[in-house]
Amino acid sequence: MEAWEPRRDFLIGCCGKTEREAEVTTWVELRALEKGYTDHEHAEWNRARFIAHLNYLTTPVMGKGVTKEKDARKFCPFPWDQMTEAELHPKVYKVTKDDVKKLNKIFENIKK
């Protein structure tokens, strides 16, 4: 199996490209197609989770003190939910004045 084979199979099998079109596909186009495919798959799973969570919330429960999970993400967590949370809250670095001076010197050396 060559390194290009899984990508070629993706282009032909999932994207509907011909073998010739798959051979001339650029890396930028491939990345965009893979991202679009992944986003579509995640949206389908999120839709299924929404329906399952809605059914869960509307089902009557007998018993005292029974509470239902109101958040669909906690009801059925997916791996990409954690990735989105990490992207929403990027890590913040504190930069001192000395760091700024060092960076300015580096930029000056690069410009030369």
C-alpha atoms as a PDB file:
ATOM      1  CA  MET A   1       0.000   0.000   0.000  1.00  0.00           C
ATOM      2  CA  GLU A   2       1.450   3.325  -1.013  1.00  0.00           C
ATOM      3  CA  ALA A   3       1.162   6.457   1.130  1.00  0.00           C
ATOM      4  CA  TRP A   4      -1.165   8.181  -1.351  1.00  0.00           C
ATOM      5  CA  GLU A   5      -3.627   5.276  -1.548  1.00  0.00           C
ATOM      6  CA  PRO A   6      -5.963   6.166   1.389  1.00  0.00           C
ATOM      7  CA  ARG A   7      -6.272   9.744   0.140  1.00  0.00           C
ATOM      8  CA  ARG A   8      -6.951   8.567  -3.395  1.00  0.00           C
ATOM      9  CA  ASP A   9      -9.615   6.176  -2.066  1.00  0.00           C
ATOM     10  CA  PHE A  10     -11.184   9.082  -0.142  1.00  0.00           C
ATOM     11  CA  LEU A  11     -11.254  11.299  -3.234  1.00  0.00           C
ATOM     12  CA  ILE A  12     -12.727   8.605  -5.451  1.00  0.00           C
ATOM     13  CA  GLY A  13     -15.028   6.893  -2.934  1.00  0.00           C
ATOM     14  CA  CYS A  14     -16.317   9.794  -0.805  1.00  0.00           C
ATOM     15  CA  CYS A  15     -15.908  12.839  -3.022  1.00  0.00           C
ATOM     16  CA  GLY A  16     -16.929  11.210  -6.306  1.00  0.00           C
ATOM     17  CA  LYS A  17     -13.838  12.227  -8.270  1.00  0.00           C
ATOM     18  CA  THR A  18     -12.543  10.193 -11.168  1.00  0.00           C
ATOM     19  CA  GLU A  19      -9.139   8.545 -10.980  1.00  0.00           C
ATOM     20  CA  ARG A  20      -7.674  11.254 -13.214  1.00  0.00           C
ATOM     21  CA  GLU A  21      -9.180  14.060 -11.097  1.00  0.00           C
ATOM     22  CA  ALA A  22      -7.834  12.400  -7.951  1.00  0.00           C
ATOM     23  CA  GLU A  23      -4.328  12.364  -9.422  1.00  0.00           C
ATOM     24  CA  VAL A  24      -4.322  16.102 -10.173  1.00  0.00           C
ATOM     25  CA  THR A  25      -5.945  17.213  -6.908  1.00  0.00           C
ATOM     26  CA  THR A  26      -3.828  19.745  -5.019  1.00  0.00           C
ATOM     27  CA  TRP A  27      -3.002  19.461  -1.324  1.00  0.00           C
ATOM     28  CA  VAL A  28      -5.048  22.577  -0.561  1.00  0.00           C
ATOM     29  CA  GLU A  29      -8.094  21.112  -2.294  1.00  0.00           C
ATOM     30  CA  LEU A  30      -7.592  17.770  -0.536  1.00  0.00           C
ATOM     31  CA  ARG A  31      -7.379  19.464   2.856  1.00  0.00           C
ATOM     32  CA  ALA A  32     -10.548  21.469   2.137  1.00  0.00           C
ATOM     33  CA  LEU A  33     -12.408  18.336   1.017  1.00  0.00           C
ATOM     34  CA  GLU A  34     -11.293  16.413   4.119  1.00  0.00           C
ATOM     35  CA  LYS A  35     -12.323  19.302   6.395  1.00  0.00           C
ATOM     36  CA  GLY A  36     -15.700  19.587   4.686  1.00  0.00           C
ATOM     37  CA  TYR A  37     -16.270  15.856   4.958  1.00  0.00           C
ATOM     38  CA  THR A  38     -15.310  15.859   8.654  1.00  0.00           C
ATOM     39  CA  ASP A  39     -17.539  18.855   9.387  1.00  0.00           C
ATOM     40  CA  HIS A  40     -20.443  17.124   7.637  1.00  0.00           C
ATOM     41  CA  GLU A  41     -19.911  13.933   9.646  1.00  0.00           C
ATOM     42  CA  HIS A  42     -19.745  15.888  12.917  1.00  0.00           C
ATOM     43  CA  ALA A  43     -22.941  17.739  12.039  1.00  0.00           C
ATOM     44  CA  GLU A  44     -24.718  14.427  11.385  1.00  0.00           C
ATOM     45  CA  TRP A  45     -23.576  13.017  14.729  1.00  0.00           C
ATOM     46  CA  ASN A  46     -24.579  16.226  16.527  1.00  0.00           C
ATOM     47  CA  ARG A  47     -28.022  16.011  14.921  1.00  0.00           C
ATOM     48  CA  ALA A  48     -28.408  12.397  16.079  1.00  0.00           C
ATOM     49  CA  ARG A  49     -27.312  13.379  19.593  1.00  0.00           C
ATOM     50  CA  PHE A  50     -29.848  16.223  19.617  1.00  0.00           C
ATOM     51  CA  ILE A  51     -32.690  13.857  18.711  1.00  0.00           C
ATOM     52  CA  ALA A  52     -31.586  11.284  21.302  1.00  0.00           C
ATOM     53  CA  HIS A  53     -31.277  13.969  23.982  1.00  0.00           C
ATOM     54  CA  LEU A  54     -34.692  15.389  23.112  1.00  0.00           C
ATOM     55  CA  ASN A  55     -36.239  11.918  23.441  1.00  0.00           C
ATOM     56  CA  TYR A  56     -34.424  11.481  26.745  1.00  0.00           C
ATOM     57  CA  LEU A  57     -35.753  14.786  28.095  1.00  0.00           C
ATOM     58  CA  THR A  58     -39.345  14.154  27.052  1.00  0.00           C
ATOM     59  CA  THR A  59     -39.531  10.623  28.492  1.00  0.00           C
ATOM     60  CA  PRO A  60     -41.320  10.617  31.852  1.00  0.00           C
ATOM     61  CA  VAL A  61     -39.314   9.441  34.855  1.00  0.00           C
ATOM     62  CA  MET A  62     -40.760   7.912  37.992  1.00  0.00           C
ATOM     63  CA  GLY A  63     -39.084   8.402  41.324  1.00  0.00           C
ATOM     64  CA  LYS A  64     -37.995  11.081  43.730  1.00  0.00           C
ATOM     65  CA  GLY A  65     -34.904  13.147  43.193  1.00  0.00           C
ATOM     66  CA  VAL A  66     -34.291  11.973  39.639  1.00  0.00           C
ATOM     67  CA  THR A  67     -32.707  14.722  37.577  1.00  0.00           C
ATOM     68  CA  LYS A  68     -32.023  14.654  33.896  1.00  0.00           C
ATOM     69  CA  GLU A  69     -28.929  16.007  32.204  1.00  0.00           C
ATOM     70  CA  LYS A  70     -29.909  19.271  30.516  1.00  0.00           C
ATOM     71  CA  ASP A  71     -26.753  19.675  28.428  1.00  0.00           C
ATOM     72  CA  ALA A  72     -26.602  17.466  25.336  1.00  0.00           C
ATOM     73  CA  ARG A  73     -22.799  17.581  25.326  1.00  0.00           C
ATOM     74  CA  LYS A  74     -22.661  16.086  28.812  1.00  0.00           C
ATOM     75  CA  PHE A  75     -25.451  13.625  27.952  1.00  0.00           C
ATOM     76  CA  CYS A  76     -23.410  12.084  25.122  1.00  0.00           C
ATOM     77  CA  PRO A  77     -19.920  13.589  24.777  1.00  0.00           C
ATOM     78  CA  PHE A  78     -18.036  13.292  21.495  1.00  0.00           C
ATOM     79  CA  PRO A  79     -14.251  13.661  21.117  1.00  0.00           C
ATOM     80  CA  TRP A  80     -14.591  16.778  18.956  1.00  0.00           C
ATOM     81  CA  ASP A  81     -16.575  18.541  21.688  1.00  0.00           C
ATOM     82  CA  GLN A  82     -13.402  18.770  23.748  1.00  0.00           C
ATOM     83  CA  MET A  83     -11.435  20.039  20.753  1.00  0.00           C
ATOM     84  CA  THR A  84     -13.914  22.854  20.221  1.00  0.00           C
ATOM     85  CA  GLU A  85     -13.762  23.847  23.873  1.00  0.00           C
ATOM     86  CA  ALA A  86      -9.972  24.027  23.659  1.00  0.00           C
ATOM     87  CA  GLU A  87     -10.228  26.166  20.542  1.00  0.00           C
ATOM     88  CA  LEU A  88     -12.744  28.489  22.198  1.00  0.00           C
ATOM     89  CA  HIS A  89     -10.421  29.197  25.115  1.00  0.00           C
ATOM     90  CA  PRO A  90      -6.909  29.604  23.714  1.00  0.00           C
ATOM     91  CA  LYS A  91      -3.955  29.635  26.055  1.00  0.00           C
ATOM     92  CA  VAL A  92      -2.878  33.177  26.967  1.00  0.00           C
ATOM     93  CA  TYR A  93       0.793  33.931  27.483  1.00  0.00           C
ATOM     94  CA  LYS A  94       2.023  36.913  29.509  1.00  0.00           C
ATOM     95  CA  VAL A  95       4.746  38.831  27.717  1.00  0.00           C
ATOM     96  CA  THR A  96       7.109  41.050  29.682  1.00  0.00           C
ATOM     97  CA  LYS A  97       8.827  44.180  28.392  1.00  0.00           C
ATOM     98  CA  ASP A  98      12.109  42.275  28.168  1.00  0.00           C
ATOM     99  CA  ASP A  99      10.432  39.656  25.978  1.00  0.00           C
ATOM    100  CA  VAL A 100       9.116  42.407  23.703  1.00  0.00           C
ATOM    101  CA  LYS A 101      12.612  43.890  23.390  1.00  0.00           C
ATOM    102  CA  LYS A 102      14.070  40.475  22.508  1.00  0.00           C
ATOM    103  CA  LEU A 103      11.376  39.887  19.914  1.00  0.00           C
ATOM    104  CA  ASN A 104      11.938  43.327  18.367  1.00  0.00           C
ATOM    105  CA  LYS A 105      15.681  42.583  18.076  1.00  0.00           C
ATOM    106  CA  ILE A 106      14.890  39.266  16.385  1.00  0.00           C
ATOM    107  CA  PHE A 107      12.511  40.970  13.933  1.00  0.00           C
ATOM    108  CA  GLU A 108      15.163  43.602  13.137  1.00  0.00           C
ATOM    109  CA  ASN A 109      17.697  40.851  12.416  1.00  0.00           C
ATOM    110  CA  ILE A 110      15.215  39.066  10.182  1.00  0.00           C
ATOM    111  CA  LYS A 111      14.481  42.238   8.175  1.00  0.00           C
ATOM    112  CA  LYS A 112      18.211  42.768   7.470  1.00  0.00           C
END
